Amino acid sequence: MSGGGAPPVHVGPNPPTNPEEGQQWLNTDTDTLYIYVANGVGWVPVGGSSGGNVEGGNASSIYLPSQTIDGGSA
């Protein structure tokens, strides 16, 4: 992405193709907001208590640029 800003929030029932680190996706089927974490982690739900689940698996520790989430709690 050029311009130095954050990627736009994607709104729809399916995640965007070729997401960028930090991109957000609002799933309109489930009304759930996700953020994309690179390095094989994938889409992580924002807020709530998901217990660390990520789409396509389960993570016990997730690194985000400004924080580390262990076991699903911030």
N, C-alpha and C. Protein backbone atom coordinates (compact mmCIF):
# COMPACT_ATOMS: atom_id res chain seq x y z
N MET A 1 0.83 -1.17 0.00
CA MET A 1 0.00 0.00 0.00
C MET A 1 0.87 1.23 0.00
N SER A 2 0.57 2.20 -0.82
CA SER A 2 1.32 3.43 -0.85
C SER A 2 0.57 4.52 -0.12
N GLY A 3 1.26 5.60 0.23
CA GLY A 3 0.62 6.71 0.90
C GLY A 3 0.87 6.73 2.39
N GLY A 4 1.39 5.65 2.97
CA GLY A 4 1.78 5.63 4.36
C GLY A 4 0.66 5.49 5.37
N GLY A 5 -0.58 5.45 4.94
CA GLY A 5 -1.69 5.31 5.88
C GLY A 5 -2.03 3.87 6.14
N ALA A 6 -2.94 3.67 7.07
CA ALA A 6 -3.42 2.32 7.38
C ALA A 6 -4.28 1.81 6.24
N PRO A 7 -4.29 0.49 6.02
CA PRO A 7 -5.17 -0.06 4.98
C PRO A 7 -6.62 0.21 5.35
N PRO A 8 -7.49 0.37 4.37
CA PRO A 8 -8.90 0.63 4.67
C PRO A 8 -9.57 -0.58 5.33
N VAL A 9 -10.61 -0.32 6.10
CA VAL A 9 -11.39 -1.39 6.70
C VAL A 9 -12.20 -2.05 5.59
N HIS A 10 -12.11 -3.38 5.51
CA HIS A 10 -12.88 -4.13 4.52
C HIS A 10 -14.20 -4.55 5.16
N VAL A 11 -15.30 -4.28 4.48
CA VAL A 11 -16.62 -4.62 5.00
C VAL A 11 -17.28 -5.60 4.04
N GLY A 12 -17.71 -6.75 4.55
CA GLY A 12 -18.37 -7.74 3.71
C GLY A 12 -18.37 -9.09 4.39
N PRO A 13 -19.02 -10.08 3.76
CA PRO A 13 -19.12 -11.40 4.36
C PRO A 13 -17.84 -12.24 4.24
N ASN A 14 -16.92 -11.85 3.35
CA ASN A 14 -15.69 -12.61 3.14
C ASN A 14 -14.48 -11.72 3.35
N PRO A 15 -13.37 -12.28 3.86
CA PRO A 15 -12.18 -11.47 4.08
C PRO A 15 -11.59 -11.01 2.75
N PRO A 16 -10.85 -9.90 2.78
CA PRO A 16 -10.23 -9.43 1.54
C PRO A 16 -9.12 -10.37 1.09
N THR A 17 -8.89 -10.41 -0.20
CA THR A 17 -7.76 -11.17 -0.71
C THR A 17 -6.53 -10.29 -0.55
N ASN A 18 -5.38 -10.87 -0.31
CA ASN A 18 -4.12 -10.15 -0.14
C ASN A 18 -4.18 -9.11 0.98
N PRO A 19 -4.60 -9.48 2.21
CA PRO A 19 -4.66 -8.51 3.29
C PRO A 19 -3.26 -8.04 3.70
N GLU A 20 -3.21 -6.87 4.30
CA GLU A 20 -1.96 -6.31 4.81
C GLU A 20 -1.93 -6.39 6.33
N GLU A 21 -0.75 -6.47 6.92
CA GLU A 21 -0.59 -6.46 8.37
C GLU A 21 -1.37 -5.29 8.97
N GLY A 22 -2.22 -5.58 9.94
CA GLY A 22 -2.99 -4.53 10.61
C GLY A 22 -4.31 -4.18 9.95
N GLN A 23 -4.59 -4.77 8.78
CA GLN A 23 -5.86 -4.47 8.11
C GLN A 23 -7.02 -5.02 8.92
N GLN A 24 -8.13 -4.30 8.91
CA GLN A 24 -9.33 -4.73 9.62
C GLN A 24 -10.39 -5.19 8.63
N TRP A 25 -11.19 -6.17 9.09
CA TRP A 25 -12.29 -6.70 8.28
C TRP A 25 -13.51 -6.83 9.16
N LEU A 26 -14.61 -6.21 8.76
CA LEU A 26 -15.89 -6.36 9.45
C LEU A 26 -16.69 -7.41 8.70
N ASN A 27 -16.87 -8.58 9.33
CA ASN A 27 -17.63 -9.66 8.73
C ASN A 27 -19.11 -9.33 8.92
N THR A 28 -19.80 -9.02 7.84
CA THR A 28 -21.20 -8.61 7.91
C THR A 28 -22.14 -9.79 8.18
N ASP A 29 -21.67 -11.03 8.01
CA ASP A 29 -22.50 -12.19 8.33
C ASP A 29 -22.58 -12.41 9.84
N THR A 30 -21.48 -12.11 10.55
CA THR A 30 -21.43 -12.37 11.98
C THR A 30 -21.30 -11.10 12.83
N ASP A 31 -21.21 -9.94 12.17
CA ASP A 31 -20.99 -8.66 12.86
C ASP A 31 -19.77 -8.72 13.77
N THR A 32 -18.70 -9.35 13.28
CA THR A 32 -17.46 -9.49 14.03
C THR A 32 -16.37 -8.71 13.33
N LEU A 33 -15.58 -7.96 14.12
CA LEU A 33 -14.45 -7.21 13.58
C LEU A 33 -13.18 -8.02 13.79
N TYR A 34 -12.38 -8.15 12.74
CA TYR A 34 -11.12 -8.88 12.80
C TYR A 34 -9.98 -7.95 12.42
N ILE A 35 -8.76 -8.30 12.86
CA ILE A 35 -7.55 -7.62 12.44
C ILE A 35 -6.60 -8.68 11.90
N TYR A 36 -5.88 -8.34 10.81
CA TYR A 36 -5.00 -9.31 10.18
C TYR A 36 -3.61 -9.23 10.80
N VAL A 37 -3.13 -10.38 11.26
CA VAL A 37 -1.80 -10.50 11.83
C VAL A 37 -1.00 -11.41 10.90
N ALA A 38 0.11 -10.90 10.40
CA ALA A 38 0.93 -11.66 9.45
C ALA A 38 1.68 -12.78 10.16
N ASN A 39 2.64 -13.37 9.47
CA ASN A 39 3.48 -14.46 9.98
C ASN A 39 2.69 -15.72 10.28
N GLY A 40 1.68 -16.00 9.47
CA GLY A 40 0.94 -17.24 9.59
C GLY A 40 -0.17 -17.24 10.63
N VAL A 41 -0.39 -16.13 11.32
CA VAL A 41 -1.43 -16.08 12.35
C VAL A 41 -2.80 -15.93 11.70
N GLY A 42 -2.98 -14.93 10.86
CA GLY A 42 -4.24 -14.75 10.14
C GLY A 42 -5.16 -13.75 10.80
N TRP A 43 -6.46 -13.97 10.62
CA TRP A 43 -7.48 -13.05 11.10
C TRP A 43 -7.80 -13.32 12.56
N VAL A 44 -7.67 -12.29 13.40
CA VAL A 44 -7.90 -12.40 14.84
C VAL A 44 -9.09 -11.53 15.20
N PRO A 45 -10.09 -12.07 15.91
CA PRO A 45 -11.23 -11.25 16.30
C PRO A 45 -10.80 -10.16 17.28
N VAL A 46 -11.39 -8.98 17.14
CA VAL A 46 -11.07 -7.84 18.01
C VAL A 46 -12.12 -7.75 19.10
N GLY A 47 -11.69 -7.60 20.34
CA GLY A 47 -12.61 -7.46 21.47
C GLY A 47 -13.18 -8.79 21.92
N GLY A 48 -13.98 -8.72 22.98
CA GLY A 48 -14.60 -9.94 23.49
C GLY A 48 -13.58 -10.87 24.09
N SER A 49 -14.00 -12.09 24.35
CA SER A 49 -13.09 -13.09 24.91
C SER A 49 -13.19 -14.36 24.08
N SER A 50 -12.34 -14.44 23.08
CA SER A 50 -12.39 -15.57 22.17
C SER A 50 -11.52 -16.72 22.65
N GLY A 51 -10.79 -16.53 23.74
CA GLY A 51 -9.92 -17.59 24.23
C GLY A 51 -8.71 -17.81 23.36
N GLY A 52 -8.37 -16.85 22.50
CA GLY A 52 -7.20 -16.96 21.67
C GLY A 52 -7.44 -17.67 20.35
N ASN A 53 -8.66 -17.99 20.02
CA ASN A 53 -8.94 -18.64 18.75
C ASN A 53 -8.70 -17.69 17.60
N VAL A 54 -8.16 -18.22 16.52
CA VAL A 54 -7.99 -17.45 15.30
C VAL A 54 -8.58 -18.28 14.17
N GLU A 55 -8.95 -17.61 13.11
CA GLU A 55 -9.55 -18.33 11.98
C GLU A 55 -8.54 -19.35 11.46
N GLY A 56 -8.94 -20.60 11.44
CA GLY A 56 -8.08 -21.65 10.93
C GLY A 56 -7.19 -22.30 11.98
N GLY A 57 -7.39 -21.98 13.27
CA GLY A 57 -6.56 -22.61 14.28
C GLY A 57 -6.73 -21.96 15.64
N ASN A 58 -5.77 -22.22 16.51
CA ASN A 58 -5.80 -21.67 17.86
C ASN A 58 -4.40 -21.19 18.20
N ALA A 59 -4.31 -20.03 18.80
CA ALA A 59 -3.01 -19.48 19.16
C ALA A 59 -2.95 -19.24 20.66
N SER A 60 -1.86 -19.64 21.29
CA SER A 60 -1.72 -19.40 22.72
C SER A 60 -1.04 -18.07 22.99
N SER A 61 -0.32 -17.54 22.00
CA SER A 61 0.33 -16.24 22.15
C SER A 61 0.31 -15.54 20.80
N ILE A 62 -0.23 -14.33 20.76
CA ILE A 62 -0.32 -13.57 19.52
C ILE A 62 0.40 -12.25 19.72
N TYR A 63 1.37 -11.96 18.86
CA TYR A 63 2.07 -10.68 18.92
C TYR A 63 1.41 -9.69 17.98
N LEU A 64 1.06 -8.53 18.52
CA LEU A 64 0.58 -7.42 17.73
C LEU A 64 1.61 -6.31 17.85
N PRO A 65 1.72 -5.43 16.87
CA PRO A 65 2.78 -4.43 16.90
C PRO A 65 2.89 -3.65 18.21
N SER A 66 1.77 -3.38 18.89
CA SER A 66 1.83 -2.56 20.10
C SER A 66 1.65 -3.37 21.38
N GLN A 67 1.35 -4.68 21.26
CA GLN A 67 1.09 -5.45 22.47
C GLN A 67 1.22 -6.94 22.19
N THR A 68 1.32 -7.72 23.25
CA THR A 68 1.30 -9.18 23.14
C THR A 68 0.07 -9.68 23.87
N ILE A 69 -0.65 -10.58 23.24
CA ILE A 69 -1.83 -11.17 23.84
C ILE A 69 -1.52 -12.63 24.13
N ASP A 70 -1.59 -13.02 25.38
CA ASP A 70 -1.33 -14.40 25.78
C ASP A 70 -2.63 -15.05 26.19
N GLY A 71 -2.95 -16.19 25.63
CA GLY A 71 -4.13 -16.93 26.00
C GLY A 71 -5.43 -16.20 25.71
N GLY A 72 -5.41 -15.23 24.82
CA GLY A 72 -6.64 -14.57 24.39
C GLY A 72 -7.03 -13.36 25.21
N SER A 73 -6.22 -12.95 26.19
CA SER A 73 -6.56 -11.76 26.96
C SER A 73 -5.51 -10.69 26.75
N ALA A 74 -5.96 -9.45 26.74
CA ALA A 74 -5.03 -8.35 26.50
C ALA A 74 -4.57 -7.74 27.81
